[in-house]
PDB file of N, CA and C in Angstrom:
ATOM      1  N   UNK A   1      35.036 -22.991 -31.100  1.00  0.00           N
ATOM      2  CA  UNK A   1      34.249 -24.209 -31.087  1.00  0.00           C
ATOM      3  C   UNK A   1      34.135 -24.703 -29.642  1.00  0.00           C
ATOM      4  N   UNK A   2      32.959 -25.152 -29.280  1.00  0.00           N
ATOM      5  CA  UNK A   2      32.688 -25.612 -27.917  1.00  0.00           C
ATOM      6  C   UNK A   2      32.939 -27.115 -27.838  1.00  0.00           C
ATOM      7  N   UNK A   3      33.684 -27.544 -26.823  1.00  0.00           N
ATOM      8  CA  UNK A   3      33.934 -28.970 -26.648  1.00  0.00           C
ATOM      9  C   UNK A   3      32.685 -29.662 -26.117  1.00  0.00           C
ATOM     10  N   UNK A   4      32.675 -30.977 -26.203  1.00  0.00           N
ATOM     11  CA  UNK A   4      31.535 -31.759 -25.709  1.00  0.00           C
ATOM     12  C   UNK A   4      31.320 -31.535 -24.214  1.00  0.00           C
ATOM     13  N   UNK A   5      32.408 -31.473 -23.473  1.00  0.00           N
ATOM     14  CA  UNK A   5      32.288 -31.259 -22.025  1.00  0.00           C
ATOM     15  C   UNK A   5      31.704 -29.877 -21.708  1.00  0.00           C
ATOM     16  N   UNK A   6      32.126 -28.874 -22.457  1.00  0.00           N
ATOM     17  CA  UNK A   6      31.580 -27.523 -22.256  1.00  0.00           C
ATOM     18  C   UNK A   6      30.098 -27.480 -22.622  1.00  0.00           C
ATOM     19  N   UNK A   7      29.731 -28.177 -23.688  1.00  0.00           N
ATOM     20  CA  UNK A   7      28.340 -28.250 -24.125  1.00  0.00           C
ATOM     21  C   UNK A   7      27.476 -28.857 -23.026  1.00  0.00           C
ATOM     22  N   UNK A   8      27.948 -29.951 -22.439  1.00  0.00           N
ATOM     23  CA  UNK A   8      27.219 -30.619 -21.358  1.00  0.00           C
ATOM     24  C   UNK A   8      27.138 -29.704 -20.130  1.00  0.00           C
ATOM     25  N   UNK A   9      28.216 -29.005 -19.837  1.00  0.00           N
ATOM     26  CA  UNK A   9      28.226 -28.083 -18.693  1.00  0.00           C
ATOM     27  C   UNK A   9      27.212 -26.958 -18.879  1.00  0.00           C
ATOM     28  N   UNK A  10      27.053 -26.505 -20.115  1.00  0.00           N
ATOM     29  CA  UNK A  10      26.074 -25.443 -20.389  1.00  0.00           C
ATOM     30  C   UNK A  10      24.650 -25.929 -20.126  1.00  0.00           C
ATOM     31  N   UNK A  11      24.368 -27.191 -20.454  1.00  0.00           N
ATOM     32  CA  UNK A  11      23.064 -27.764 -20.105  1.00  0.00           C
ATOM     33  C   UNK A  11      22.855 -27.688 -18.595  1.00  0.00           C
ATOM     34  N   UNK A  12      23.893 -28.022 -17.832  1.00  0.00           N
ATOM     35  CA  UNK A  12      23.797 -27.967 -16.376  1.00  0.00           C
ATOM     36  C   UNK A  12      23.535 -26.561 -15.871  1.00  0.00           C
ATOM     37  N   UNK A  13      24.190 -25.581 -16.473  1.00  0.00           N
ATOM     38  CA  UNK A  13      23.986 -24.182 -16.069  1.00  0.00           C
ATOM     39  C   UNK A  13      22.557 -23.728 -16.341  1.00  0.00           C
ATOM     40  N   UNK A  14      22.048 -24.067 -17.512  1.00  0.00           N
ATOM     41  CA  UNK A  14      20.677 -23.681 -17.861  1.00  0.00           C
ATOM     42  C   UNK A  14      19.687 -24.377 -16.935  1.00  0.00           C
ATOM     43  N   UNK A  15      19.956 -25.645 -16.641  1.00  0.00           N
ATOM     44  CA  UNK A  15      19.097 -26.404 -15.717  1.00  0.00           C
ATOM     45  C   UNK A  15      19.037 -25.716 -14.348  1.00  0.00           C
ATOM     46  N   UNK A  16      20.191 -25.332 -13.838  1.00  0.00           N
ATOM     47  CA  UNK A  16      20.244 -24.666 -12.531  1.00  0.00           C
ATOM     48  C   UNK A  16      19.492 -23.332 -12.540  1.00  0.00           C
ATOM     49  N   UNK A  17      19.666 -22.560 -13.597  1.00  0.00           N
ATOM     50  CA  UNK A  17      18.995 -21.259 -13.683  1.00  0.00           C
ATOM     51  C   UNK A  17      17.477 -21.418 -13.767  1.00  0.00           C
ATOM     52  N   UNK A  18      17.021 -22.382 -14.554  1.00  0.00           N
ATOM     53  CA  UNK A  18      15.572 -22.621 -14.663  1.00  0.00           C
ATOM     54  C   UNK A  18      15.005 -23.097 -13.335  1.00  0.00           C
ATOM     55  N   UNK A  19      15.746 -23.968 -12.654  1.00  0.00           N
ATOM     56  CA  UNK A  19      15.308 -24.471 -11.356  1.00  0.00           C
ATOM     57  C   UNK A  19      15.250 -23.344 -10.328  1.00  0.00           C
ATOM     58  N   UNK A  20      16.236 -22.466 -10.350  1.00  0.00           N
ATOM     59  CA  UNK A  20      16.237 -21.334  -9.417  1.00  0.00           C
ATOM     60  C   UNK A  20      15.086 -20.376  -9.718  1.00  0.00           C
ATOM     61  N   UNK A  21      14.809 -20.163 -10.995  1.00  0.00           N
ATOM     62  CA  UNK A  21      13.676 -19.312 -11.370  1.00  0.00           C
ATOM     63  C   UNK A  21      12.370 -19.888 -10.837  1.00  0.00           C
ATOM     64  N   UNK A  22      12.205 -21.212 -10.993  1.00  0.00           N
ATOM     65  CA  UNK A  22      11.001 -21.875 -10.480  1.00  0.00           C
ATOM     66  C   UNK A  22      10.906 -21.719  -8.962  1.00  0.00           C
ATOM     67  N   UNK A  23      12.026 -21.837  -8.273  1.00  0.00           N
ATOM     68  CA  UNK A  23      12.059 -21.678  -6.819  1.00  0.00           C
ATOM     69  C   UNK A  23      11.563 -20.290  -6.405  1.00  0.00           C
ATOM     70  N   UNK A  24      12.085 -19.249  -7.075  1.00  0.00           N
ATOM     71  CA  UNK A  24      11.680 -17.889  -6.722  1.00  0.00           C
ATOM     72  C   UNK A  24      10.214 -17.642  -7.030  1.00  0.00           C
ATOM     73  N   UNK A  25       9.730 -18.247  -8.094  1.00  0.00           N
ATOM     74  CA  UNK A  25       8.307 -18.090  -8.411  1.00  0.00           C
ATOM     75  C   UNK A  25       7.430 -18.773  -7.368  1.00  0.00           C
ATOM     76  N   UNK A  26       7.900 -19.903  -6.845  1.00  0.00           N
ATOM     77  CA  UNK A  26       7.172 -20.560  -5.750  1.00  0.00           C
ATOM     78  C   UNK A  26       7.094 -19.632  -4.542  1.00  0.00           C
ATOM     79  N   UNK A  27       8.205 -18.982  -4.220  1.00  0.00           N
ATOM     80  CA  UNK A  27       8.216 -18.043  -3.091  1.00  0.00           C
ATOM     81  C   UNK A  27       7.278 -16.865  -3.339  1.00  0.00           C
ATOM     82  N   UNK A  28       7.261 -16.364  -4.550  1.00  0.00           N
ATOM     83  CA  UNK A  28       6.369 -15.249  -4.896  1.00  0.00           C
ATOM     84  C   UNK A  28       4.917 -15.645  -4.674  1.00  0.00           C
ATOM     85  N   UNK A  29       4.572 -16.865  -5.117  1.00  0.00           N
ATOM     86  CA  UNK A  29       3.201 -17.352  -4.944  1.00  0.00           C
ATOM     87  C   UNK A  29       2.878 -17.545  -3.465  1.00  0.00           C
ATOM     88  N   UNK A  30       3.776 -18.244  -2.748  1.00  0.00           N
ATOM     89  CA  UNK A  30       3.528 -18.546  -1.334  1.00  0.00           C
ATOM     90  C   UNK A  30       3.472 -17.306  -0.462  1.00  0.00           C
ATOM     91  N   UNK A  31       4.238 -16.280  -0.829  1.00  0.00           N
ATOM     92  CA  UNK A  31       4.250 -15.052  -0.031  1.00  0.00           C
ATOM     93  C   UNK A  31       3.066 -14.142  -0.358  1.00  0.00           C
ATOM     94  N   UNK A  32       2.390 -14.432  -1.454  1.00  0.00           N
ATOM     95  CA  UNK A  32       1.250 -13.610  -1.842  1.00  0.00           C
ATOM     96  C   UNK A  32       1.618 -12.322  -2.547  1.00  0.00           C
ATOM     97  N   UNK A  33       2.873 -12.212  -3.005  1.00  0.00           N
ATOM     98  CA  UNK A  33       3.278 -11.000  -3.719  1.00  0.00           C
ATOM     99  C   UNK A  33       2.503 -10.830  -5.019  1.00  0.00           C
ATOM    100  N   UNK A  34       2.253 -11.938  -5.687  1.00  0.00           N
ATOM    101  CA  UNK A  34       1.446 -11.934  -6.905  1.00  0.00           C
ATOM    102  C   UNK A  34       0.453 -13.077  -6.827  1.00  0.00           C
ATOM    103  N   UNK A  35      -0.619 -12.959  -7.578  1.00  0.00           N
ATOM    104  CA  UNK A  35      -1.615 -14.017  -7.594  1.00  0.00           C
ATOM    105  C   UNK A  35      -1.063 -15.241  -8.323  1.00  0.00           C
ATOM    106  N   UNK A  36      -1.454 -16.395  -7.835  1.00  0.00           N
ATOM    107  CA  UNK A  36      -0.981 -17.644  -8.413  1.00  0.00           C
ATOM    108  C   UNK A  36      -1.291 -17.722  -9.910  1.00  0.00           C
ATOM    109  N   UNK A  37      -2.462 -17.237 -10.304  1.00  0.00           N
ATOM    110  CA  UNK A  37      -2.855 -17.296 -11.709  1.00  0.00           C
ATOM    111  C   UNK A  37      -1.883 -16.525 -12.609  1.00  0.00           C
ATOM    112  N   UNK A  38      -1.275 -15.487 -12.071  1.00  0.00           N
ATOM    113  CA  UNK A  38      -0.337 -14.679 -12.853  1.00  0.00           C
ATOM    114  C   UNK A  38       1.022 -15.353 -12.989  1.00  0.00           C
ATOM    115  N   UNK A  39       1.423 -16.101 -11.980  1.00  0.00           N
ATOM    116  CA  UNK A  39       2.769 -16.663 -11.931  1.00  0.00           C
ATOM    117  C   UNK A  39       2.819 -18.130 -12.375  1.00  0.00           C
ATOM    118  N   UNK A  40       1.743 -18.846 -12.188  1.00  0.00           N
ATOM    119  CA  UNK A  40       1.741 -20.295 -12.432  1.00  0.00           C
ATOM    120  C   UNK A  40       2.197 -20.698 -13.835  1.00  0.00           C
ATOM    121  N   UNK A  41       1.751 -20.025 -14.902  1.00  0.00           N
ATOM    122  CA  UNK A  41       2.241 -20.437 -16.229  1.00  0.00           C
ATOM    123  C   UNK A  41       3.764 -20.308 -16.376  1.00  0.00           C
ATOM    124  N   UNK A  42       4.323 -19.253 -15.800  1.00  0.00           N
ATOM    125  CA  UNK A  42       5.777 -19.067 -15.848  1.00  0.00           C
ATOM    126  C   UNK A  42       6.491 -20.108 -14.995  1.00  0.00           C
ATOM    127  N   UNK A  43       5.910 -20.423 -13.850  1.00  0.00           N
ATOM    128  CA  UNK A  43       6.485 -21.440 -12.969  1.00  0.00           C
ATOM    129  C   UNK A  43       6.495 -22.802 -13.665  1.00  0.00           C
ATOM    130  N   UNK A  44       5.389 -23.135 -14.307  1.00  0.00           N
ATOM    131  CA  UNK A  44       5.298 -24.396 -15.039  1.00  0.00           C
ATOM    132  C   UNK A  44       6.342 -24.452 -16.144  1.00  0.00           C
ATOM    133  N   UNK A  45       6.491 -23.371 -16.880  1.00  0.00           N
ATOM    134  CA  UNK A  45       7.470 -23.305 -17.968  1.00  0.00           C
ATOM    135  C   UNK A  45       8.892 -23.483 -17.441  1.00  0.00           C
ATOM    136  N   UNK A  46       9.221 -22.809 -16.361  1.00  0.00           N
ATOM    137  CA  UNK A  46      10.558 -22.926 -15.777  1.00  0.00           C
ATOM    138  C   UNK A  46      10.823 -24.355 -15.300  1.00  0.00           C
ATOM    139  N   UNK A  47       9.837 -24.975 -14.693  1.00  0.00           N
ATOM    140  CA  UNK A  47       9.989 -26.354 -14.224  1.00  0.00           C
ATOM    141  C   UNK A  47      10.180 -27.317 -15.394  1.00  0.00           C
ATOM    142  N   UNK A  48       9.417 -27.102 -16.457  1.00  0.00           N
ATOM    143  CA  UNK A  48       9.538 -27.955 -17.641  1.00  0.00           C
ATOM    144  C   UNK A  48      10.906 -27.785 -18.300  1.00  0.00           C
ATOM    145  N   UNK A  49      11.375 -26.548 -18.374  1.00  0.00           N
ATOM    146  CA  UNK A  49      12.701 -26.302 -18.946  1.00  0.00           C
ATOM    147  C   UNK A  49      13.797 -26.968 -18.123  1.00  0.00           C
ATOM    148  N   UNK A  50      13.683 -26.905 -16.812  1.00  0.00           N
ATOM    149  CA  UNK A  50      14.674 -27.557 -15.950  1.00  0.00           C
ATOM    150  C   UNK A  50      14.697 -29.062 -16.211  1.00  0.00           C
ATOM    151  N   UNK A  51      13.527 -29.672 -16.347  1.00  0.00           N
ATOM    152  CA  UNK A  51      13.455 -31.116 -16.619  1.00  0.00           C
ATOM    153  C   UNK A  51      14.045 -31.455 -17.984  1.00  0.00           C
ATOM    154  N   UNK A  52      13.731 -30.647 -18.983  1.00  0.00           N
ATOM    155  CA  UNK A  52      14.265 -30.879 -20.329  1.00  0.00           C
ATOM    156  C   UNK A  52      15.786 -30.781 -20.331  1.00  0.00           C
ATOM    157  N   UNK A  53      16.306 -29.757 -19.674  1.00  0.00           N
ATOM    158  CA  UNK A  53      17.761 -29.579 -19.630  1.00  0.00           C
ATOM    159  C   UNK A  53      18.441 -30.718 -18.866  1.00  0.00           C
ATOM    160  N   UNK A  54      17.807 -31.187 -17.796  1.00  0.00           N
ATOM    161  CA  UNK A  54      18.378 -32.296 -17.033  1.00  0.00           C
ATOM    162  C   UNK A  54      18.451 -33.553 -17.895  1.00  0.00           C
ATOM    163  N   UNK A  55      17.375 -33.851 -18.597  1.00  0.00           N
ATOM    164  CA  UNK A  55      17.371 -35.033 -19.465  1.00  0.00           C
ATOM    165  C   UNK A  55      18.353 -34.878 -20.612  1.00  0.00           C
ATOM    166  N   UNK A  56      18.461 -33.685 -21.161  1.00  0.00           N
ATOM    167  CA  UNK A  56      19.413 -33.434 -22.247  1.00  0.00           C
ATOM    168  C   UNK A  56      20.842 -33.596 -21.765  1.00  0.00           C
ATOM    169  N   UNK A  57      21.136 -33.090 -20.568  1.00  0.00           N
ATOM    170  CA  UNK A  57      22.475 -33.221 -19.991  1.00  0.00           C
ATOM    171  C   UNK A  57      22.823 -34.680 -19.760  1.00  0.00           C
ATOM    172  N   UNK A  58      21.877 -35.436 -19.213  1.00  0.00           N
ATOM    173  CA  UNK A  58      22.099 -36.859 -18.954  1.00  0.00           C
ATOM    174  C   UNK A  58      22.328 -37.609 -20.266  1.00  0.00           C
ATOM    175  N   UNK A  59      21.519 -37.309 -21.257  1.00  0.00           N
ATOM    176  CA  UNK A  59      21.648 -37.962 -22.560  1.00  0.00           C
ATOM    177  C   UNK A  59      22.985 -37.627 -23.221  1.00  0.00           C
ATOM    178  N   UNK A  60      23.360 -36.360 -23.197  1.00  0.00           N
ATOM    179  CA  UNK A  60      24.628 -35.948 -23.796  1.00  0.00           C
ATOM    180  C   UNK A  60      25.812 -36.563 -23.061  1.00  0.00           C
ATOM    181  N   UNK A  61      25.726 -36.658 -21.748  1.00  0.00           N
ATOM    182  CA  UNK A  61      26.800 -37.279 -20.963  1.00  0.00           C
ATOM    183  C   UNK A  61      26.941 -38.756 -21.307  1.00  0.00           C
ATOM    184  N   UNK A  62      25.815 -39.439 -21.427  1.00  0.00           N
ATOM    185  CA  UNK A  62      25.844 -40.861 -21.774  1.00  0.00           C
ATOM    186  C   UNK A  62      26.418 -41.054 -23.170  1.00  0.00           C
ATOM    187  N   UNK A  63      26.039 -40.187 -24.094  1.00  0.00           N
ATOM    188  CA  UNK A  63      26.547 -40.263 -25.463  1.00  0.00           C
ATOM    189  C   UNK A  63      28.061 -40.039 -25.488  1.00  0.00           C
ATOM    190  N   UNK A  64      28.529 -39.081 -24.706  1.00  0.00           N
ATOM    191  CA  UNK A  64      29.966 -38.804 -24.637  1.00  0.00           C
ATOM    192  C   UNK A  64      30.723 -40.002 -24.069  1.00  0.00           C
ATOM    193  N   UNK A  65      30.179 -40.603 -23.017  1.00  0.00           N
ATOM    194  CA  UNK A  65      30.814 -41.787 -22.422  1.00  0.00           C
ATOM    195  C   UNK A  65      30.887 -42.936 -23.428  1.00  0.00           C
ATOM    196  N   UNK A  66      29.802 -43.148 -24.173  1.00  0.00           N
ATOM    197  CA  UNK A  66      29.777 -44.220 -25.165  1.00  0.00           C
ATOM    198  C   UNK A  66      30.788 -43.968 -26.274  1.00  0.00           C
ATOM    199  N   UNK A  67      30.915 -42.718 -26.704  1.00  0.00           N
ATOM    200  CA  UNK A  67      31.878 -42.420 -27.764  1.00  0.00           C
ATOM    201  C   UNK A  67      33.314 -42.612 -27.276  1.00  0.00           C
ATOM    202  N   UNK A  68      33.566 -42.345 -25.998  1.00  0.00           N
ATOM    203  CA  UNK A  68      34.909 -42.560 -25.441  1.00  0.00           C
ATOM    204  C   UNK A  68      35.211 -44.048 -25.342  1.00  0.00           C
ATOM    205  N   UNK A  69      34.200 -44.846 -24.993  1.00  0.00           N
ATOM    206  CA  UNK A  69      34.377 -46.301 -24.901  1.00  0.00           C
ATOM    207  C   UNK A  69      34.701 -46.866 -26.281  1.00  0.00           C
ATOM    208  N   UNK A  70      34.040 -46.331 -27.294  1.00  0.00           N
ATOM    209  CA  UNK A  70      34.267 -46.791 -28.671  1.00  0.00           C
ATOM    210  C   UNK A  70      35.579 -46.269 -29.252  1.00  0.00           C
ATOM    211  N   UNK A  71      36.165 -45.300 -28.550  1.00  0.00           N
ATOM    212  CA  UNK A  71      37.433 -44.749 -29.014  1.00  0.00           C
ATOM    213  C   UNK A  71      37.323 -43.677 -30.066  1.00  0.00           C
ATOM    214  N   UNK A  72      36.183 -43.017 -30.098  1.00  0.00           N
ATOM    215  CA  UNK A  72      35.995 -41.950 -31.093  1.00  0.00           C
ATOM    216  C   UNK A  72      36.356 -40.605 -30.539  1.00  0.00           C
TER     217      UNK A  72
END
């Protein structure tokens, strides 16, 4: 069973990986290795995933803090 802290940490790991993927796709586009039209949908998806994971991590962290304050 995964603890709440481990669950939140996994959100952070996924966020970092998605953000790094978006970074490399930006470099691919800027360097001209592939056409922007080929990479842009993947770049957008990676950026959106990073944002979703960041918000999920923040929400889960806040929920954990509130449950600790309540003594649960």
